[in-house]
PDB file of N, CA and C in Angstrom:
ATOM      1  N   MET A   1       0.856  -1.181   0.000  1.00  0.00           N
ATOM      2  CA  MET A   1       0.000   0.000   0.000  1.00  0.00           C
ATOM      3  C   MET A   1       0.892   1.231   0.000  1.00  0.00           C
ATOM      4  N   ASN A   2       0.672   2.126  -0.952  1.00  0.00           N
ATOM      5  CA  ASN A   2       1.509   3.319  -0.980  1.00  0.00           C
ATOM      6  C   ASN A   2       0.849   4.453  -0.190  1.00  0.00           C
ATOM      7  N   ALA A   3       1.578   5.515   0.036  1.00  0.00           N
ATOM      8  CA  ALA A   3       1.099   6.623   0.864  1.00  0.00           C
ATOM      9  C   ALA A   3      -0.099   7.323   0.242  1.00  0.00           C
ATOM     10  N   ARG A   4      -0.099   7.456  -1.080  1.00  0.00           N
ATOM     11  CA  ARG A   4      -1.215   8.135  -1.755  1.00  0.00           C
ATOM     12  C   ARG A   4      -2.525   7.360  -1.567  1.00  0.00           C
ATOM     13  N   PHE A   5      -2.471   6.035  -1.736  1.00  0.00           N
ATOM     14  CA  PHE A   5      -3.645   5.204  -1.518  1.00  0.00           C
ATOM     15  C   PHE A   5      -4.097   5.286  -0.068  1.00  0.00           C
ATOM     16  N   ALA A   6      -3.146   5.225   0.855  1.00  0.00           N
ATOM     17  CA  ALA A   6      -3.484   5.257   2.277  1.00  0.00           C
ATOM     18  C   ALA A   6      -4.177   6.559   2.656  1.00  0.00           C
ATOM     19  N   GLU A   7      -3.700   7.679   2.125  1.00  0.00           N
ATOM     20  CA  GLU A   7      -4.331   8.970   2.422  1.00  0.00           C
ATOM     21  C   GLU A   7      -5.751   9.020   1.868  1.00  0.00           C
ATOM     22  N   GLY A   8      -5.938   8.542   0.648  1.00  0.00           N
ATOM     23  CA  GLY A   8      -7.267   8.530   0.035  1.00  0.00           C
ATOM     24  C   GLY A   8      -8.222   7.612   0.766  1.00  0.00           C
ATOM     25  N   ALA A   9      -7.735   6.436   1.158  1.00  0.00           N
ATOM     26  CA  ALA A   9      -8.576   5.480   1.877  1.00  0.00           C
ATOM     27  C   ALA A   9      -8.988   6.037   3.233  1.00  0.00           C
ATOM     28  N   LEU A  10      -8.088   6.697   3.906  1.00  0.00           N
ATOM     29  CA  LEU A  10      -8.402   7.293   5.203  1.00  0.00           C
ATOM     30  C   LEU A  10      -9.467   8.377   5.059  1.00  0.00           C
ATOM     31  N   ARG A  11      -9.314   9.223   4.056  1.00  0.00           N
ATOM     32  CA  ARG A  11     -10.276  10.300   3.814  1.00  0.00           C
ATOM     33  C   ARG A  11     -11.652   9.726   3.455  1.00  0.00           C
ATOM     34  N   LEU A  12     -11.672   8.732   2.561  1.00  0.00           N
ATOM     35  CA  LEU A  12     -12.923   8.120   2.144  1.00  0.00           C
ATOM     36  C   LEU A  12     -13.585   7.369   3.293  1.00  0.00           C
ATOM     37  N   SER A  13     -12.802   6.674   4.086  1.00  0.00           N
ATOM     38  CA  SER A  13     -13.393   5.936   5.210  1.00  0.00           C
ATOM     39  C   SER A  13     -14.037   6.892   6.215  1.00  0.00           C
ATOM     40  N   GLY A  14     -13.409   8.024   6.445  1.00  0.00           N
ATOM     41  CA  GLY A  14     -13.995   9.012   7.352  1.00  0.00           C
ATOM     42  C   GLY A  14     -15.313   9.549   6.825  1.00  0.00           C
ATOM     43  N   LEU A  15     -15.375   9.823   5.519  1.00  0.00           N
ATOM     44  CA  LEU A  15     -16.619  10.306   4.915  1.00  0.00           C
ATOM     45  C   LEU A  15     -17.735   9.276   5.052  1.00  0.00           C
ATOM     46  N   VAL A  16     -17.417   8.032   4.727  1.00  0.00           N
ATOM     47  CA  VAL A  16     -18.428   6.975   4.768  1.00  0.00           C
ATOM     48  C   VAL A  16     -18.909   6.748   6.200  1.00  0.00           C
ATOM     49  N   MET A  17     -18.005   6.786   7.137  1.00  0.00           N
ATOM     50  CA  MET A  17     -18.407   6.576   8.531  1.00  0.00           C
ATOM     51  C   MET A  17     -19.300   7.705   9.027  1.00  0.00           C
ATOM     52  N   ARG A  18     -18.969   8.954   8.669  1.00  0.00           N
ATOM     53  CA  ARG A  18     -19.791  10.084   9.107  1.00  0.00           C
ATOM     54  C   ARG A  18     -21.125  10.131   8.375  1.00  0.00           C
ATOM     55  N   MET A  19     -21.098   9.937   7.065  1.00  0.00           N
ATOM     56  CA  MET A  19     -22.313  10.084   6.255  1.00  0.00           C
ATOM     57  C   MET A  19     -23.256   8.884   6.361  1.00  0.00           C
ATOM     58  N   GLN A  20     -22.703   7.691   6.449  1.00  0.00           N
ATOM     59  CA  GLN A  20     -23.515   6.481   6.401  1.00  0.00           C
ATOM     60  C   GLN A  20     -23.555   5.717   7.719  1.00  0.00           C
ATOM     61  N   GLY A  21     -22.720   6.119   8.666  1.00  0.00           N
ATOM     62  CA  GLY A  21     -22.698   5.432   9.953  1.00  0.00           C
ATOM     63  C   GLY A  21     -22.044   4.064   9.895  1.00  0.00           C
ATOM     64  N   TRP A  22     -21.209   3.839   8.893  1.00  0.00           N
ATOM     65  CA  TRP A  22     -20.551   2.547   8.766  1.00  0.00           C
ATOM     66  C   TRP A  22     -19.435   2.406   9.794  1.00  0.00           C
ATOM     67  N   SER A  23     -19.179   1.184  10.192  1.00  0.00           N
ATOM     68  CA  SER A  23     -18.025   0.886  11.042  1.00  0.00           C
ATOM     69  C   SER A  23     -16.803   0.735  10.141  1.00  0.00           C
ATOM     70  N   PRO A  24     -15.596   0.803  10.724  1.00  0.00           N
ATOM     71  CA  PRO A  24     -14.402   0.561   9.904  1.00  0.00           C
ATOM     72  C   PRO A  24     -14.432  -0.814   9.223  1.00  0.00           C
ATOM     73  N   GLU A  25     -14.954  -1.818   9.928  1.00  0.00           N
ATOM     74  CA  GLU A  25     -15.025  -3.156   9.348  1.00  0.00           C
ATOM     75  C   GLU A  25     -15.927  -3.175   8.114  1.00  0.00           C
ATOM     76  N   ALA A  26     -17.075  -2.484   8.193  1.00  0.00           N
ATOM     77  CA  ALA A  26     -17.990  -2.438   7.048  1.00  0.00           C
ATOM     78  C   ALA A  26     -17.326  -1.733   5.871  1.00  0.00           C
ATOM     79  N   PHE A  27     -16.578  -0.666   6.146  1.00  0.00           N
ATOM     80  CA  PHE A  27     -15.885   0.044   5.066  1.00  0.00           C
ATOM     81  C   PHE A  27     -14.895  -0.874   4.368  1.00  0.00           C
ATOM     82  N   TRP A  28     -14.062  -1.561   5.118  1.00  0.00           N
ATOM     83  CA  TRP A  28     -13.011  -2.379   4.516  1.00  0.00           C
ATOM     84  C   TRP A  28     -13.560  -3.637   3.858  1.00  0.00           C
ATOM     85  N   GLN A  29     -14.771  -4.060   4.212  1.00  0.00           N
ATOM     86  CA  GLN A  29     -15.387  -5.222   3.570  1.00  0.00           C
ATOM     87  C   GLN A  29     -16.196  -4.834   2.332  1.00  0.00           C
ATOM     88  N   ALA A  30     -16.452  -3.559   2.136  1.00  0.00           N
ATOM     89  CA  ALA A  30     -17.249  -3.100   0.994  1.00  0.00           C
ATOM     90  C   ALA A  30     -16.457  -3.218  -0.306  1.00  0.00           C
ATOM     91  N   THR A  31     -17.182  -3.454  -1.376  1.00  0.00           N
ATOM     92  CA  THR A  31     -16.555  -3.498  -2.696  1.00  0.00           C
ATOM     93  C   THR A  31     -16.470  -2.076  -3.248  1.00  0.00           C
ATOM     94  N   PRO A  32     -15.596  -1.847  -4.224  1.00  0.00           N
ATOM     95  CA  PRO A  32     -15.565  -0.514  -4.852  1.00  0.00           C
ATOM     96  C   PRO A  32     -16.923  -0.104  -5.422  1.00  0.00           C
ATOM     97  N   ALA A  33     -17.674  -1.051  -5.968  1.00  0.00           N
ATOM     98  CA  ALA A  33     -19.004  -0.729  -6.517  1.00  0.00           C
ATOM     99  C   ALA A  33     -19.957  -0.269  -5.419  1.00  0.00           C
ATOM    100  N   GLU A  34     -19.890  -0.885  -4.256  1.00  0.00           N
ATOM    101  CA  GLU A  34     -20.744  -0.474  -3.137  1.00  0.00           C
ATOM    102  C   GLU A  34     -20.381   0.935  -2.668  1.00  0.00           C
ATOM    103  N   LEU A  35     -19.098   1.226  -2.605  1.00  0.00           N
ATOM    104  CA  LEU A  35     -18.678   2.577  -2.210  1.00  0.00           C
ATOM    105  C   LEU A  35     -19.110   3.614  -3.243  1.00  0.00           C
ATOM    106  N   ALA A  36     -18.961   3.291  -4.517  1.00  0.00           N
ATOM    107  CA  ALA A  36     -19.363   4.220  -5.573  1.00  0.00           C
ATOM    108  C   ALA A  36     -20.860   4.481  -5.523  1.00  0.00           C
ATOM    109  N   ALA A  37     -21.644   3.465  -5.204  1.00  0.00           N
ATOM    110  CA  ALA A  37     -23.098   3.619  -5.142  1.00  0.00           C
ATOM    111  C   ALA A  37     -23.518   4.597  -4.045  1.00  0.00           C
ATOM    112  N   LEU A  38     -22.724   4.713  -3.002  1.00  0.00           N
ATOM    113  CA  LEU A  38     -23.054   5.651  -1.925  1.00  0.00           C
ATOM    114  C   LEU A  38     -23.023   7.098  -2.396  1.00  0.00           C
ATOM    115  N   PHE A  39     -22.165   7.395  -3.360  1.00  0.00           N
ATOM    116  CA  PHE A  39     -21.971   8.766  -3.803  1.00  0.00           C
ATOM    117  C   PHE A  39     -22.640   9.067  -5.146  1.00  0.00           C
ATOM    118  N   ALA A  40     -23.283   8.066  -5.724  1.00  0.00           N
ATOM    119  CA  ALA A  40     -23.964   8.259  -7.004  1.00  0.00           C
ATOM    120  C   ALA A  40     -25.309   8.945  -6.759  1.00  0.00           C
ATOM    121  N   PRO A  41     -25.758   9.764  -7.694  1.00  0.00           N
ATOM    122  CA  PRO A  41     -27.075  10.382  -7.532  1.00  0.00           C
ATOM    123  C   PRO A  41     -28.170   9.316  -7.586  1.00  0.00           C
ATOM    124  N   ALA A  42     -29.267   9.599  -6.947  1.00  0.00           N
ATOM    125  CA  ALA A  42     -30.393   8.664  -6.954  1.00  0.00           C
ATOM    126  C   ALA A  42     -30.857   8.452  -8.392  1.00  0.00           C
ATOM    127  N   ALA A  43     -31.207   7.232  -8.720  1.00  0.00           N
ATOM    128  CA  ALA A  43     -31.602   6.899 -10.092  1.00  0.00           C
ATOM    129  C   ALA A  43     -32.853   7.652 -10.523  1.00  0.00           C
ATOM    130  N   ASP A  44     -33.713   7.956  -9.574  1.00  0.00           N
ATOM    131  CA  ASP A  44     -34.964   8.632  -9.926  1.00  0.00           C
ATOM    132  C   ASP A  44     -34.840  10.153  -9.893  1.00  0.00           C
ATOM    133  N   ALA A  45     -33.661  10.656  -9.565  1.00  0.00           N
ATOM    134  CA  ALA A  45     -33.466  12.104  -9.497  1.00  0.00           C
ATOM    135  C   ALA A  45     -32.845  12.592 -10.804  1.00  0.00           C
ATOM    136  N   PRO A  46     -33.598  13.331 -11.597  1.00  0.00           N
ATOM    137  CA  PRO A  46     -33.015  13.837 -12.843  1.00  0.00           C
ATOM    138  C   PRO A  46     -31.931  14.870 -12.548  1.00  0.00           C
ATOM    139  N   PRO A  47     -30.944  14.977 -13.411  1.00  0.00           N
ATOM    140  CA  PRO A  47     -29.889  15.969 -13.176  1.00  0.00           C
ATOM    141  C   PRO A  47     -30.469  17.380 -13.214  1.00  0.00           C
ATOM    142  N   THR A  48     -29.944  18.225 -12.366  1.00  0.00           N
ATOM    143  CA  THR A  48     -30.383  19.616 -12.325  1.00  0.00           C
ATOM    144  C   THR A  48     -29.692  20.369 -13.456  1.00  0.00           C
ATOM    145  N   PRO A  49     -30.465  20.986 -14.329  1.00  0.00           N
ATOM    146  CA  PRO A  49     -29.827  21.721 -15.427  1.00  0.00           C
ATOM    147  C   PRO A  49     -29.133  22.980 -14.925  1.00  0.00           C
ATOM    148  N   LEU A  50     -28.136  23.395 -15.661  1.00  0.00           N
ATOM    149  CA  LEU A  50     -27.410  24.611 -15.349  1.00  0.00           C
ATOM    150  C   LEU A  50     -28.298  25.800 -15.690  1.00  0.00           C
ATOM    151  N   THR A  51     -28.468  26.691 -14.747  1.00  0.00           N
ATOM    152  CA  THR A  51     -29.288  27.879 -15.006  1.00  0.00           C
ATOM    153  C   THR A  51     -28.433  28.969 -15.645  1.00  0.00           C
ATOM    154  N   ARG A  52     -29.091  29.943 -16.211  1.00  0.00           N
ATOM    155  CA  ARG A  52     -28.379  31.069 -16.825  1.00  0.00           C
ATOM    156  C   ARG A  52     -27.572  31.809 -15.752  1.00  0.00           C
ATOM    157  N   THR A  53     -28.137  31.939 -14.555  1.00  0.00           N
ATOM    158  CA  THR A  53     -27.435  32.607 -13.453  1.00  0.00           C
ATOM    159  C   THR A  53     -26.161  31.849 -13.089  1.00  0.00           C
ATOM    160  N   ASP A  54     -26.254  30.530 -13.011  1.00  0.00           N
ATOM    161  CA  ASP A  54     -25.071  29.717 -12.706  1.00  0.00           C
ATOM    162  C   ASP A  54     -24.010  29.870 -13.785  1.00  0.00           C
ATOM    163  N   LEU A  55     -24.443  29.831 -15.055  1.00  0.00           N
ATOM    164  CA  LEU A  55     -23.508  29.975 -16.167  1.00  0.00           C
ATOM    165  C   LEU A  55     -22.812  31.334 -16.125  1.00  0.00           C
ATOM    166  N   THR A  56     -23.585  32.381 -15.881  1.00  0.00           N
ATOM    167  CA  THR A  56     -23.008  33.726 -15.808  1.00  0.00           C
ATOM    168  C   THR A  56     -21.982  33.808 -14.681  1.00  0.00           C
ATOM    169  N   ARG A  57     -22.312  33.249 -13.530  1.00  0.00           N
ATOM    170  CA  ARG A  57     -21.396  33.266 -12.382  1.00  0.00           C
ATOM    171  C   ARG A  57     -20.107  32.508 -12.709  1.00  0.00           C
ATOM    172  N   LEU A  58     -20.230  31.354 -13.365  1.00  0.00           N
ATOM    173  CA  LEU A  58     -19.052  30.591 -13.744  1.00  0.00           C
ATOM    174  C   LEU A  58     -18.187  31.351 -14.744  1.00  0.00           C
ATOM    175  N   MET A  59     -18.839  31.995 -15.719  1.00  0.00           N
ATOM    176  CA  MET A  59     -18.093  32.758 -16.712  1.00  0.00           C
ATOM    177  C   MET A  59     -17.363  33.937 -16.072  1.00  0.00           C
ATOM    178  N   GLU A  60     -18.012  34.615 -15.151  1.00  0.00           N
ATOM    179  CA  GLU A  60     -17.368  35.735 -14.466  1.00  0.00           C
ATOM    180  C   GLU A  60     -16.207  35.255 -13.604  1.00  0.00           C
ATOM    181  N   SER A  61     -16.404  34.145 -12.942  1.00  0.00           N
ATOM    182  CA  SER A  61     -15.349  33.582 -12.099  1.00  0.00           C
ATOM    183  C   SER A  61     -14.139  33.192 -12.942  1.00  0.00           C
ATOM    184  N   ASP A  62     -14.382  32.574 -14.087  1.00  0.00           N
ATOM    185  CA  ASP A  62     -13.289  32.169 -14.965  1.00  0.00           C
ATOM    186  C   ASP A  62     -12.594  33.397 -15.546  1.00  0.00           C
ATOM    187  N   HIS A  63     -13.354  34.401 -15.916  1.00  0.00           N
ATOM    188  CA  HIS A  63     -12.771  35.632 -16.466  1.00  0.00           C
ATOM    189  C   HIS A  63     -11.877  36.309 -15.422  1.00  0.00           C
ATOM    190  N   ASP A  64     -12.359  36.365 -14.181  1.00  0.00           N
ATOM    191  CA  ASP A  64     -11.572  36.977 -13.100  1.00  0.00           C
ATOM    192  C   ASP A  64     -10.267  36.222 -12.892  1.00  0.00           C
ATOM    193  N   ARG A  65     -10.327  34.905 -12.975  1.00  0.00           N
ATOM    194  CA  ARG A  65      -9.131  34.087 -12.756  1.00  0.00           C
ATOM    195  C   ARG A  65      -8.130  34.264 -13.889  1.00  0.00           C
ATOM    196  N   GLN A  66      -8.599  34.377 -15.121  1.00  0.00           N
ATOM    197  CA  GLN A  66      -7.705  34.495 -16.267  1.00  0.00           C
ATOM    198  C   GLN A  66      -7.035  35.855 -16.344  1.00  0.00           C
ATOM    199  N   SER A  67      -7.604  36.873 -15.721  1.00  0.00           N
ATOM    200  CA  SER A  67      -7.013  38.206 -15.815  1.00  0.00           C
ATOM    201  C   SER A  67      -5.880  38.429 -14.826  1.00  0.00           C
ATOM    202  N   ASP A  68      -5.597  37.436 -13.979  1.00  0.00           N
ATOM    203  CA  ASP A  68      -4.496  37.571 -12.998  1.00  0.00           C
ATOM    204  C   ASP A  68      -3.149  37.470 -13.651  1.00  0.00           C
TER     205      ASP A  68
END
């Protein structure tokens, strides 16, 4: 196990334990597909479209960043 994997696993395990109430044992026994399913949007929830206000805010933010 390398340091990068260990840091990511520690961060992910903390999220799963706080958000889902899992024990460390449940986290380490879970498959990658089970972990991915925890963070996937609900199948019945349609994606929220980007609004014009959101697009404008993103464009302004990007413009501000590029002018530095």
